[in-house]
């Protein structure tokens, strides 16, 4: 089952929240499908435990063999560990930070990615989707060194990767958050550890305020919409995390 985030004039954004074993060892993760006319792209398709059901579920809404792009915010296993199987079942091209374009083939059998990876330059780029495009937006060090978010100018959804993550179940992820205050306890510890520094978050917030964002949809947990979008941008713009908290005590040899 998919959650419909947007559907207007042949442009559709779908979210899948439930494809990893509920209550199992793996963290809950979201996957996304963006359709524009007769073209489609998968964003952060996930690992092997999500692949079979994701492929079958996508097939109810769009023919997988017509997918033109696989977009990866970064190279973690919960993002693209299933890459080998996507390279087999589709003709799609992988778009990933140029920092990771020579690492991503390690998920695949030799030669399977030949000519099918586009390295996104650090400033980002537009990625064609039929007569429309998705925009790779710089999100470096949130949390990966080479990291991108994907902004859809039609739906005005920002697919934000690990920024905006909340920890919980797939049922939690299916419930859109419109007021941030009560949601912060589900987000705070993750952002404190996985975001590299408050400086990076401030730079991102300044950029984000220049975009007309209707919804922020992370790779784990619930989407943010309405007032929660601006509240989240304000929250992270004054948030200390990562290296802001490190001291020499964190770098000592174990007894």
Protein backbone atom coordinates (compact mmCIF):
# COMPACT_ATOMS: atom_id res chain seq x y z
CA UNK A 1 0.00 0.00 0.00
CA UNK A 2 1.24 3.49 -0.87
CA UNK A 3 0.57 6.81 0.81
CA UNK A 4 -0.34 9.47 -1.74
CA UNK A 5 1.50 12.70 -1.00
CA UNK A 6 0.46 14.48 -4.21
CA UNK A 7 -1.64 13.72 -7.29
CA UNK A 8 -2.47 16.40 -9.83
CA UNK A 9 -2.45 16.58 -13.65
CA UNK A 10 -0.50 13.36 -14.11
CA UNK A 11 2.15 14.20 -11.50
CA UNK A 12 2.07 11.78 -8.56
CA UNK A 13 4.24 11.41 -5.44
CA UNK A 14 3.90 8.20 -3.43
CA UNK A 15 5.46 7.16 -0.12
CA UNK A 16 6.00 3.60 1.13
CA UNK A 17 6.52 3.23 4.89
CA UNK A 18 6.00 -0.45 5.72
CA UNK A 19 8.37 -2.56 3.63
CA UNK A 20 10.90 -3.62 6.27
CA UNK A 21 10.01 -6.19 8.94
CA UNK A 22 7.91 -4.41 11.53
CA UNK A 23 9.47 -4.86 14.95
CA UNK A 24 12.52 -6.58 13.45
CA UNK A 25 16.19 -5.72 13.60
CA UNK A 26 16.17 -3.03 10.90
CA UNK A 27 15.25 0.63 11.34
CA UNK A 28 11.99 1.76 9.75
CA UNK A 29 12.64 3.37 6.37
CA UNK A 30 10.57 5.16 3.72
CA UNK A 31 10.85 4.79 -0.04
CA UNK A 32 9.36 7.09 -2.66
CA UNK A 33 8.04 7.04 -6.22
CA UNK A 34 7.57 10.19 -8.30
CA UNK A 35 5.60 9.84 -11.54
CA UNK A 36 5.33 12.50 -14.21
CA UNK A 37 3.22 11.36 -17.14
CA UNK A 38 4.85 8.22 -18.55
CA UNK A 39 8.14 8.65 -16.65
CA UNK A 40 9.01 7.68 -13.07
CA UNK A 41 11.80 7.90 -10.53
CA UNK A 42 12.41 6.01 -7.29
CA UNK A 43 13.99 7.94 -4.41
CA UNK A 44 16.05 6.07 -1.78
CA UNK A 45 14.77 2.59 -2.76
CA UNK A 46 16.22 0.89 0.32
CA UNK A 47 17.90 -2.40 1.09
CA UNK A 48 17.20 -5.98 0.10
CA UNK A 49 14.55 -6.49 2.76
CA UNK A 50 12.39 -3.84 1.07
CA UNK A 51 13.07 -4.72 -2.57
CA UNK A 52 10.56 -7.46 -3.41
CA UNK A 53 7.51 -5.80 -1.93
CA UNK A 54 8.54 -2.36 -3.17
CA UNK A 55 8.87 -3.60 -6.75
CA UNK A 56 5.49 -5.35 -6.57
CA UNK A 57 3.80 -2.35 -4.97
CA UNK A 58 5.27 0.11 -7.47
CA UNK A 59 3.93 -2.12 -10.23
CA UNK A 60 0.37 -1.34 -9.11
CA UNK A 61 0.93 2.33 -9.91
CA UNK A 62 3.64 2.44 -12.59
CA UNK A 63 5.50 -0.09 -14.80
CA UNK A 64 8.95 -0.57 -13.20
CA UNK A 65 10.52 -1.05 -16.64
CA UNK A 66 9.64 2.57 -17.43
CA UNK A 67 11.54 3.99 -14.46
CA UNK A 68 14.14 6.44 -15.76
CA UNK A 69 16.00 7.26 -12.56
CA UNK A 70 16.98 5.97 -9.14
CA UNK A 71 17.87 8.85 -6.85
CA UNK A 72 20.02 8.17 -3.79
CA UNK A 73 20.48 10.82 -1.13
CA UNK A 74 23.69 9.06 -0.06
CA UNK A 75 25.22 5.57 -0.05
CA UNK A 76 24.05 3.97 3.21
CA UNK A 77 22.71 0.39 3.00
CA UNK A 78 19.17 1.43 3.94
CA UNK A 79 19.31 3.75 0.90
CA UNK A 80 20.67 1.56 -1.93
CA UNK A 81 21.81 -1.86 -0.69
CA UNK A 82 19.30 -3.32 -3.19
CA UNK A 83 21.01 -1.54 -6.11
CA UNK A 84 22.12 -4.78 -7.81
CA UNK A 85 18.52 -5.92 -8.11
CA UNK A 86 17.30 -2.54 -9.41
CA UNK A 87 20.03 -2.60 -12.04
CA UNK A 88 18.63 -5.98 -13.15
CA UNK A 89 14.90 -5.24 -13.05
CA UNK A 90 14.99 -1.75 -14.63
CA UNK A 91 16.96 0.31 -17.12
CA UNK A 92 17.07 3.26 -14.71
CA UNK A 93 20.15 5.38 -14.14
CA UNK A 94 21.42 5.91 -10.60
CA UNK A 95 21.97 9.52 -9.53
CA UNK A 96 24.18 9.87 -6.46
CA UNK A 97 26.82 12.27 -5.16
CA UNK A 98 30.00 12.12 -7.21
CA UNK A 99 31.75 11.29 -3.93
CA UNK A 100 29.91 7.95 -3.95
CA UNK A 101 29.65 7.14 -7.66
CA UNK A 102 32.69 4.81 -7.54
CA UNK A 103 31.60 3.25 -4.23
CA UNK A 104 28.01 2.43 -5.24
CA UNK A 105 29.11 -0.29 -7.72
CA UNK A 106 30.30 -2.34 -4.73
CA UNK A 107 26.62 -3.15 -4.11
CA UNK A 108 26.47 -4.83 -7.53
CA UNK A 109 27.99 -7.62 -9.58
CA UNK A 110 30.94 -6.47 -11.72
CA UNK A 111 29.94 -4.43 -14.75
CA UNK A 112 26.27 -4.09 -13.86
CA UNK A 113 26.46 -0.33 -13.27
CA UNK A 114 28.63 0.39 -16.31
CA UNK A 115 27.38 3.63 -17.90
CA UNK A 116 24.42 3.80 -15.54
CA UNK A 117 25.64 6.08 -12.74
CA UNK A 118 25.51 9.87 -12.85
CA UNK A 119 27.64 11.59 -10.22
CA UNK A 120 25.86 14.65 -8.87
CA UNK A 121 28.29 17.58 -8.48
CA UNK A 122 28.52 19.26 -5.08
CA UNK A 123 26.33 22.27 -6.07
CA UNK A 124 23.51 19.91 -7.14
CA UNK A 125 21.69 19.64 -10.46
CA UNK A 126 18.34 19.26 -12.21
CA UNK A 127 17.38 15.67 -13.05
CA UNK A 128 14.96 15.34 -15.95
CA UNK A 129 11.68 13.54 -15.31
CA UNK A 130 9.80 13.63 -18.58
CA UNK A 131 8.80 17.24 -19.24
CA UNK A 132 9.49 18.09 -15.60
CA UNK A 133 12.56 17.72 -13.37
CA UNK A 134 13.59 16.96 -9.81
CA UNK A 135 16.24 19.16 -8.24
CA UNK A 136 19.17 17.65 -6.31
CA UNK A 137 19.68 20.13 -3.46
CA UNK A 138 22.97 20.20 -1.49
CA UNK A 139 22.66 18.62 1.95
CA UNK A 140 26.29 17.74 2.61
CA UNK A 141 27.19 16.49 6.12
CA UNK A 142 23.53 15.86 6.99
CA UNK A 143 24.71 13.26 7.74
CA UNK A 144 26.87 12.03 4.86
CA UNK A 145 29.86 13.83 3.35
CA UNK A 146 28.26 13.72 -0.09
CA UNK A 147 24.55 14.11 0.52
CA UNK A 148 21.60 15.45 -1.45
CA UNK A 149 17.94 16.10 -0.93
CA UNK A 150 15.50 16.06 -3.83
CA UNK A 151 13.05 18.91 -4.33
CA UNK A 152 10.03 18.47 -6.57
CA UNK A 153 8.97 21.88 -7.94
CA UNK A 154 5.56 20.55 -9.04
CA UNK A 155 4.40 19.17 -5.69
CA UNK A 156 6.77 21.42 -3.71
CA UNK A 157 7.84 18.39 -1.66
CA UNK A 158 11.40 18.23 -0.32
CA UNK A 159 12.51 14.61 0.00
CA UNK A 160 14.98 15.34 2.78
CA UNK A 161 16.89 12.10 3.40
CA UNK A 162 18.11 11.92 6.99
CA UNK A 163 17.18 15.49 7.84
CA UNK A 164 13.83 15.68 9.63
CA UNK A 165 13.96 12.03 10.67
CA UNK A 166 11.82 10.79 13.54
CA UNK A 167 12.17 7.33 15.03
CA UNK A 168 9.16 5.05 15.33
CA UNK A 169 7.03 2.47 13.56
CA UNK A 170 5.66 2.42 10.03
CA UNK A 171 2.29 3.43 11.50
CA UNK A 172 3.94 6.51 13.02
CA UNK A 173 5.54 7.32 9.66
CA UNK A 174 2.15 7.24 7.95
CA UNK A 175 0.82 10.14 10.06
CA UNK A 176 1.71 13.60 8.74
CA UNK A 177 2.91 16.06 11.39
CA UNK A 178 1.53 19.62 11.15
CA UNK A 179 2.78 21.02 14.47
CA UNK A 180 6.39 20.41 15.48
CA UNK A 181 6.40 20.94 19.25
CA UNK A 182 5.04 17.53 20.27
CA UNK A 183 7.14 15.81 17.61
CA UNK A 184 10.55 17.10 18.71
CA UNK A 185 11.19 14.31 21.30
CA UNK A 186 11.06 11.79 18.43
CA UNK A 187 13.65 13.78 16.46
CA UNK A 188 16.07 15.33 18.90
CA UNK A 189 18.46 12.50 19.77
CA UNK A 190 18.80 11.41 16.14
CA UNK A 191 19.67 14.91 14.95
CA UNK A 192 22.01 15.45 17.89
CA UNK A 193 24.14 12.49 16.80
CA UNK A 194 23.67 12.12 13.04
CA UNK A 195 23.93 15.75 11.93
CA UNK A 196 27.55 16.90 11.78
CA UNK A 197 27.30 20.43 13.20
CA UNK A 198 25.03 23.35 13.95
CA UNK A 199 26.91 25.39 11.34
CA UNK A 200 25.81 23.00 8.59
CA UNK A 201 22.20 23.13 9.76
CA UNK A 202 22.22 26.95 9.77
CA UNK A 203 23.56 27.02 6.22
CA UNK A 204 20.88 24.54 5.15
CA UNK A 205 18.11 26.52 6.86
CA UNK A 206 19.16 29.70 5.05
CA UNK A 207 18.95 27.81 1.72
CA UNK A 208 15.65 26.12 2.62
CA UNK A 209 13.97 29.46 3.27
CA UNK A 210 14.52 30.34 -0.40
CA UNK A 211 12.44 27.35 -1.56
CA UNK A 212 8.63 27.15 -1.62
CA UNK A 213 8.34 23.94 0.41
CA UNK A 214 4.87 22.48 1.03
CA UNK A 215 6.08 19.31 2.73
CA UNK A 216 9.36 17.91 4.10
CA UNK A 217 9.43 14.14 3.79
CA UNK A 218 12.37 12.31 5.45
CA UNK A 219 13.66 8.81 4.78
CA UNK A 220 12.66 7.65 8.28
CA UNK A 221 9.51 8.67 10.09
CA UNK A 222 6.65 11.06 9.43
CA UNK A 223 6.32 13.84 6.83
CA UNK A 224 6.15 17.44 8.00
CA UNK A 225 3.51 19.71 6.49
CA UNK A 226 1.73 23.00 7.15
CA UNK A 227 3.15 25.02 10.03
CA UNK A 228 5.59 22.21 10.89
CA UNK A 229 7.69 23.00 7.79
CA UNK A 230 8.66 26.50 8.92
CA UNK A 231 8.88 25.38 12.54
CA UNK A 232 11.35 22.66 11.60
CA UNK A 233 13.54 25.05 9.60
CA UNK A 234 13.59 27.43 12.57
CA UNK A 235 14.35 24.57 14.98
CA UNK A 236 17.38 23.25 13.13
CA UNK A 237 18.74 26.75 12.46
CA UNK A 238 19.50 27.03 16.19
CA UNK A 239 20.42 23.44 17.04
CA UNK A 240 23.79 22.22 18.35
CA UNK A 241 24.82 18.73 17.34
CA UNK A 242 27.59 16.43 16.17
CA UNK A 243 31.07 17.88 16.53
CA UNK A 244 29.67 20.80 18.54
CA UNK A 245 29.56 18.41 21.51
CA UNK A 246 32.86 16.56 21.13
CA UNK A 247 35.73 16.88 23.59
CA UNK A 248 39.00 15.05 24.15
CA UNK A 249 37.08 12.66 26.40
CA UNK A 250 35.45 11.20 23.30
CA UNK A 251 38.88 10.34 21.86
CA UNK A 252 40.60 8.23 24.48
CA UNK A 253 41.96 4.71 24.21
CA UNK A 254 39.65 2.17 25.91
CA UNK A 255 41.01 0.73 29.16
